[in-house]
N, C-alpha and C. Protein backbone atom coordinates (compact mmCIF):
# COMPACT_ATOMS: atom_id res chain seq x y z
N MET A 1 0.68 -1.41 -0.23
CA MET A 1 -0.16 -0.02 0.03
C MET A 1 0.58 0.80 -0.33
N ILE A 2 1.70 1.43 0.48
CA ILE A 2 2.50 2.22 0.72
C ILE A 2 3.54 2.30 -0.15
N ARG A 3 4.26 2.06 -1.30
CA ARG A 3 4.79 1.93 -2.28
C ARG A 3 3.44 2.51 -3.13
N LEU A 4 2.23 1.74 -3.08
CA LEU A 4 1.63 2.36 -4.67
C LEU A 4 1.58 3.84 -4.39
N LEU A 5 0.75 4.44 -2.96
CA LEU A 5 0.48 5.44 -2.16
C LEU A 5 1.93 6.40 -2.72
N ILE A 6 3.73 5.68 -2.83
CA ILE A 6 4.68 6.66 -3.24
C ILE A 6 4.66 6.92 -4.70
N PHE A 7 4.05 5.55 -5.14
CA PHE A 7 3.54 5.51 -7.22
C PHE A 7 3.13 6.99 -7.06
N LEU A 8 1.86 6.39 -6.66
CA LEU A 8 1.39 7.91 -7.34
C LEU A 8 0.99 9.12 -6.86
N ALA A 9 1.95 9.67 -5.13
CA ALA A 9 2.39 10.59 -5.61
C ALA A 9 3.77 11.43 -5.74
N SER A 10 4.27 10.44 -7.06
CA SER A 10 5.60 10.46 -7.80
C SER A 10 4.82 10.86 -9.09
N LEU A 11 3.74 10.36 -9.64
CA LEU A 11 3.29 10.41 -10.33
C LEU A 11 2.33 11.70 -10.72
N PHE A 12 1.57 12.21 -9.72
CA PHE A 12 0.55 13.57 -9.25
C PHE A 12 1.98 14.79 -9.25
N LEU A 13 3.16 14.46 -8.58
CA LEU A 13 4.41 15.84 -8.89
C LEU A 13 4.71 15.80 -9.83
N PHE A 14 4.63 14.90 -10.97
CA PHE A 14 5.28 15.03 -11.94
C PHE A 14 4.28 15.34 -13.05
N GLY A 15 3.06 15.09 -12.99
CA GLY A 15 1.92 16.02 -13.41
C GLY A 15 2.23 17.34 -13.23
N ALA A 16 1.89 17.19 -11.91
CA ALA A 16 2.47 18.87 -12.00
C ALA A 16 3.50 19.71 -12.25
N CYS A 17 4.02 18.81 -12.69
CA CYS A 17 5.77 20.41 -12.56
C CYS A 17 6.14 19.64 -14.46
N ALA A 18 4.90 18.81 -14.94
CA ALA A 18 5.09 18.09 -16.69
C ALA A 18 4.11 20.11 -16.96
N SER A 19 4.65 20.46 -18.10
CA SER A 19 3.88 21.02 -18.69
C SER A 19 3.82 21.29 -19.58
N SER A 20 4.39 20.31 -20.86
CA SER A 20 4.02 20.11 -22.23
C SER A 20 2.92 19.31 -22.63
N GLU A 21 2.57 20.04 -23.32
CA GLU A 21 1.15 18.93 -23.79
C GLU A 21 0.51 18.63 -25.10
N SER A 22 0.48 17.26 -25.66
CA SER A 22 -0.15 17.66 -26.80
C SER A 22 -1.24 17.12 -26.85
N VAL A 23 -1.37 16.41 -28.68
CA VAL A 23 -3.02 16.17 -29.04
C VAL A 23 -2.40 14.78 -28.03
N SER A 24 -1.93 14.19 -27.80
CA SER A 24 -2.41 12.38 -27.08
C SER A 24 -2.34 12.52 -24.91
N GLY A 25 -2.26 14.10 -25.29
CA GLY A 25 -2.28 13.82 -23.74
C GLY A 25 -0.99 14.93 -23.07
N THR A 26 -1.41 14.72 -21.73
CA THR A 26 0.13 15.08 -20.71
C THR A 26 1.19 13.99 -21.01
N ARG A 27 2.15 14.94 -21.16
CA ARG A 27 3.44 14.24 -20.81
C ARG A 27 3.53 12.81 -19.67
N ALA A 28 2.52 13.45 -18.25
CA ALA A 28 2.45 12.23 -17.22
C ALA A 28 1.26 11.49 -17.93
N GLU A 29 0.09 11.50 -18.33
CA GLU A 29 -0.47 11.45 -18.84
C GLU A 29 -0.17 9.95 -19.68
N ARG A 30 0.96 10.04 -20.83
CA ARG A 30 1.04 8.95 -21.68
C ARG A 30 2.24 8.11 -21.04
N VAL A 31 3.13 8.28 -19.90
CA VAL A 31 3.80 7.58 -19.46
C VAL A 31 3.14 6.60 -18.60
N VAL A 32 1.89 6.91 -17.92
CA VAL A 32 1.14 6.45 -17.10
C VAL A 32 0.12 4.78 -18.23
N SER A 33 0.03 5.34 -19.06
CA SER A 33 -0.75 5.02 -20.27
C SER A 33 0.78 3.79 -20.53
N GLU A 34 2.05 4.48 -20.77
CA GLU A 34 2.82 3.11 -20.99
C GLU A 34 3.30 1.99 -19.35
N ILE A 35 2.98 2.09 -19.15
CA ILE A 35 3.44 1.45 -17.76
C ILE A 35 2.01 0.71 -17.51
N HIS A 36 0.99 1.05 -18.13
CA HIS A 36 -0.64 0.18 -18.26
C HIS A 36 -0.73 -0.93 -19.21
N ASP A 37 0.34 -0.70 -20.26
CA ASP A 37 0.33 -1.25 -22.11
C ASP A 37 1.33 -2.29 -21.12
N PRO A 38 0.48 -3.64 -21.23
CA PRO A 38 2.13 -5.06 -21.71
C PRO A 38 2.58 -4.61 -22.92
N SER A 39 2.07 -4.17 -23.54
CA SER A 39 2.99 -4.77 -24.94
C SER A 39 3.89 -3.47 -25.28
N SER A 40 4.23 -3.07 -24.78
CA SER A 40 4.93 -1.51 -24.26
C SER A 40 6.04 -2.07 -24.63
N ASN A 41 6.80 -1.63 -25.71
CA ASN A 41 8.35 -1.74 -26.13
C ASN A 41 9.16 -0.91 -25.29
N LYS A 42 8.51 0.27 -24.76
CA LYS A 42 8.84 1.85 -24.87
C LYS A 42 10.08 1.01 -22.93
N VAL A 43 11.04 1.83 -22.96
CA VAL A 43 12.19 1.63 -21.69
C VAL A 43 12.08 3.22 -21.25
N LEU A 44 10.90 3.18 -19.96
CA LEU A 44 11.01 4.49 -19.72
C LEU A 44 12.20 4.42 -17.87
N VAL A 45 12.46 5.90 -18.03
CA VAL A 45 14.01 6.56 -17.07
C VAL A 45 13.25 6.69 -16.24
N ALA A 46 13.82 6.28 -14.76
CA ALA A 46 12.10 6.49 -13.19
C ALA A 46 14.02 6.42 -12.55
N CYS A 47 13.74 7.67 -11.36
CA CYS A 47 14.66 8.59 -10.94
C CYS A 47 14.25 8.57 -9.67
N HIS A 48 15.30 7.52 -8.84
CA HIS A 48 14.30 7.56 -7.20
C HIS A 48 15.16 8.85 -6.57
N ARG A 49 14.35 8.89 -5.83
CA ARG A 49 15.56 10.70 -4.91
C ARG A 49 15.45 11.78 -5.77
N GLY A 50 15.55 11.58 -6.97
CA GLY A 50 15.72 12.77 -8.15
C GLY A 50 17.05 13.26 -8.46
N ASP A 51 17.78 13.97 -8.74
CA ASP A 51 18.98 13.95 -9.31
C ASP A 51 19.98 14.42 -7.84
N TRP A 52 19.54 13.18 -6.91
CA TRP A 52 20.39 13.34 -5.69
C TRP A 52 22.50 13.07 -5.37
N ARG A 53 22.59 13.75 -6.35
CA ARG A 53 24.61 12.94 -6.48
C ARG A 53 24.19 14.75 -6.87
N ASN A 54 23.57 15.72 -7.63
CA ASN A 54 23.48 17.33 -7.47
C ASN A 54 23.13 17.78 -6.31
N TRP A 55 22.26 17.29 -6.28
CA TRP A 55 20.81 17.90 -5.06
C TRP A 55 20.94 17.26 -3.75
N PRO A 56 20.62 17.97 -2.70
CA PRO A 56 19.51 17.22 -1.67
C PRO A 56 18.94 16.45 -2.07
N GLU A 57 18.90 14.55 -1.56
CA GLU A 57 17.87 13.83 -1.90
C GLU A 57 16.10 14.10 -2.06
N ASN A 58 15.59 13.93 -2.88
CA ASN A 58 13.81 13.96 -2.50
C ASN A 58 14.03 15.93 -2.51
N SER A 59 14.89 16.84 -2.52
CA SER A 59 14.33 18.06 -2.64
C SER A 59 13.64 18.44 -3.83
N LEU A 60 13.17 19.40 -3.72
CA LEU A 60 12.43 20.18 -4.69
C LEU A 60 13.50 20.21 -6.08
N ALA A 61 14.22 20.50 -5.67
CA ALA A 61 15.28 21.21 -6.81
C ALA A 61 16.10 19.97 -6.94
N ALA A 62 16.39 18.12 -6.45
CA ALA A 62 16.21 17.62 -7.30
C ALA A 62 15.20 17.19 -8.35
N ILE A 63 14.48 17.08 -8.08
CA ILE A 63 12.93 16.63 -8.56
C ILE A 63 13.26 17.35 -10.23
N GLU A 64 12.98 18.74 -9.63
CA GLU A 64 12.90 19.42 -10.94
C GLU A 64 13.92 19.65 -11.72
N SER A 65 15.33 19.41 -10.94
CA SER A 65 16.37 18.55 -12.21
C SER A 65 16.35 17.35 -12.68
N VAL A 66 16.22 16.16 -12.31
CA VAL A 66 15.49 15.09 -12.67
C VAL A 66 14.53 15.48 -14.57
N ILE A 67 13.48 16.00 -13.82
CA ILE A 67 12.32 16.63 -14.59
C ILE A 67 13.07 16.89 -16.30
N GLY A 68 13.84 17.88 -16.35
CA GLY A 68 14.79 19.07 -17.20
C GLY A 68 15.69 18.18 -17.65
N MET A 69 16.18 17.03 -16.94
CA MET A 69 16.51 16.10 -18.34
C MET A 69 15.89 14.92 -18.36
N GLY A 70 14.56 14.51 -18.53
CA GLY A 70 13.54 14.02 -19.64
C GLY A 70 13.42 12.98 -18.63
N ALA A 71 13.68 12.72 -17.73
CA ALA A 71 13.02 11.23 -16.58
C ALA A 71 11.81 11.07 -16.79
N ASP A 72 11.14 10.08 -17.13
CA ASP A 72 10.14 9.67 -17.03
C ASP A 72 9.16 9.47 -16.23
N ILE A 73 10.19 8.88 -14.85
CA ILE A 73 9.25 8.67 -13.27
C ILE A 73 10.75 8.93 -12.44
N VAL A 74 9.34 10.27 -11.55
CA VAL A 74 11.05 10.99 -9.99
C VAL A 74 10.19 10.34 -9.22
N GLU A 75 10.64 9.21 -8.77
CA GLU A 75 10.06 8.49 -7.42
C GLU A 75 10.89 8.85 -6.45
N ILE A 76 9.95 9.82 -5.16
CA ILE A 76 10.24 9.99 -4.21
C ILE A 76 9.95 9.35 -2.46
N ASP A 77 9.91 9.01 -1.84
CA ASP A 77 9.83 8.31 -0.25
C ASP A 77 9.53 9.08 0.09
N LEU A 78 7.78 9.07 0.73
CA LEU A 78 7.02 9.15 1.47
C LEU A 78 6.76 8.18 2.46
N ALA A 79 6.61 8.87 3.95
CA ALA A 79 6.83 7.88 4.93
C ALA A 79 6.10 8.70 6.74
N LEU A 80 4.94 8.14 6.84
CA LEU A 80 4.18 8.72 8.04
C LEU A 80 4.61 8.66 9.00
N THR A 81 4.59 9.61 10.11
CA THR A 81 4.96 9.80 11.20
C THR A 81 3.88 8.85 11.86
N SER A 82 4.58 8.87 13.35
CA SER A 82 3.87 8.33 14.61
C SER A 82 3.03 9.30 14.12
N ASP A 83 2.89 10.60 14.55
CA ASP A 83 1.72 11.30 14.63
C ASP A 83 0.88 11.82 13.44
N SER A 84 0.94 11.19 12.43
CA SER A 84 0.56 11.20 10.88
C SER A 84 0.44 11.89 10.80
N VAL A 85 2.09 12.60 9.88
CA VAL A 85 2.50 13.62 8.85
C VAL A 85 3.10 13.02 8.33
N LEU A 86 2.74 13.23 6.30
CA LEU A 86 3.37 12.72 5.67
C LEU A 86 4.43 13.52 5.58
N VAL A 87 5.66 12.95 5.47
CA VAL A 87 7.18 13.03 5.04
C VAL A 87 7.64 12.50 4.16
N VAL A 88 8.82 13.55 3.12
CA VAL A 88 9.68 12.78 2.35
C VAL A 88 10.71 12.90 3.00
N CYS A 89 11.00 11.41 2.83
CA CYS A 89 12.71 11.22 4.05
C CYS A 89 13.09 9.32 3.13
N HIS A 90 14.04 8.84 2.81
CA HIS A 90 14.52 8.07 2.66
C HIS A 90 14.75 7.09 3.97
N ASP A 91 15.66 7.57 4.41
CA ASP A 91 16.03 6.89 5.51
C ASP A 91 14.69 6.75 6.65
N ARG A 92 15.01 5.83 7.76
CA ARG A 92 14.37 5.66 9.36
C ARG A 92 14.19 6.87 10.19
N THR A 93 15.76 7.62 10.28
CA THR A 93 16.37 8.74 11.27
C THR A 93 16.84 9.38 9.45
N LEU A 94 17.33 10.42 10.41
CA LEU A 94 17.44 12.17 9.73
C LEU A 94 19.13 11.77 9.72
N ASN A 95 19.95 10.48 10.67
CA ASN A 95 21.18 10.69 11.06
C ASN A 95 22.18 11.07 9.46
N ARG A 96 21.44 10.37 8.25
CA ARG A 96 23.00 10.06 7.32
C ARG A 96 22.87 11.74 6.09
N THR A 97 21.19 11.95 6.59
CA THR A 97 21.10 13.41 5.43
C THR A 97 21.21 14.63 6.14
N THR A 98 21.58 14.22 8.32
CA THR A 98 21.49 15.92 8.58
C THR A 98 22.82 16.04 9.58
């Protein structure tokens, strides 16, 4: 369930950031269509945590960077805290990134 939530949130974020539209729909709609087409031969590029080599992982700058590079999917790490707050963090603690 969490993976599905992460995937859907990533597509939503990607769709919100993608601005180019064509006759066949937005770029995000075309990516979703490819994912659901079992006969598709298209290779989709997914970037986990965005462009984490050049920007802080899971940051808006990292996400915008890979969108600018032409990535098809940006996967971010969503987690629910014990007090039910949704946060974006890859690890269980903040030790590695702070």
